[in-house]
Amino acid sequence: MLLIGLMMTREAGPQDKDWIVKLLTERWGGTKVAAHGEIFDLLDLPALVVDPERGLATYRIQGNEAELMSLDAVHSGQGVGTALIEALADQLRQQGVSALWVMTTNDNLDALRFYQRRGFELRRVRPGAVDEARRLKPSIPRIADNRIPIRDELDLRLQLL
């Protein structure tokens, strides 16, 4: 467990499964996400939570780097997402992980702003990658709520070590 500000973050456990499934279904349309031409079941990945049921971050470690696969704050603007990023970054540093990656889409202006304000740098753009993801997960919309066509994947990186 790690106390960030006044928020307690901890590794998710079996007792969190029902809440996590409910949150991911509400936010992501299920527990599976499409990224990099693959489908990932977020329930199969390690996760951090902010108690009580305030936020969730799922991630995967690949070699010396990690990828943030999902980040959800039940209520935005209260520091939950920041607490999860900080706790995950601290945990990964202790494990010797050198960088944390996150992928978002071209339409997600809030995410781009959020991650860049927390030190992430834009590193890669994959034009048209969402069309490939849509073949794997047809429920991905073509147009975002902000009326921007959803087409491209953008990778941002936070240097940890």
Foldseek 3Di string as FASTA:
>chain_A
DDQDPNWDKDKDDPVCVVLVQVVCCVVPVGQWAFDPLDIDRQVVFIWMATPPSFWIWGKDDDPQEIETEDIDGPDPPPCRRVVRVVVVLVVSVVVNRFKYKYKDWPVCPVVVVVVVVVAWAWDDKDFQVVVSRCVVVVVPDQADPVRHGTGMMIMIMHTRD
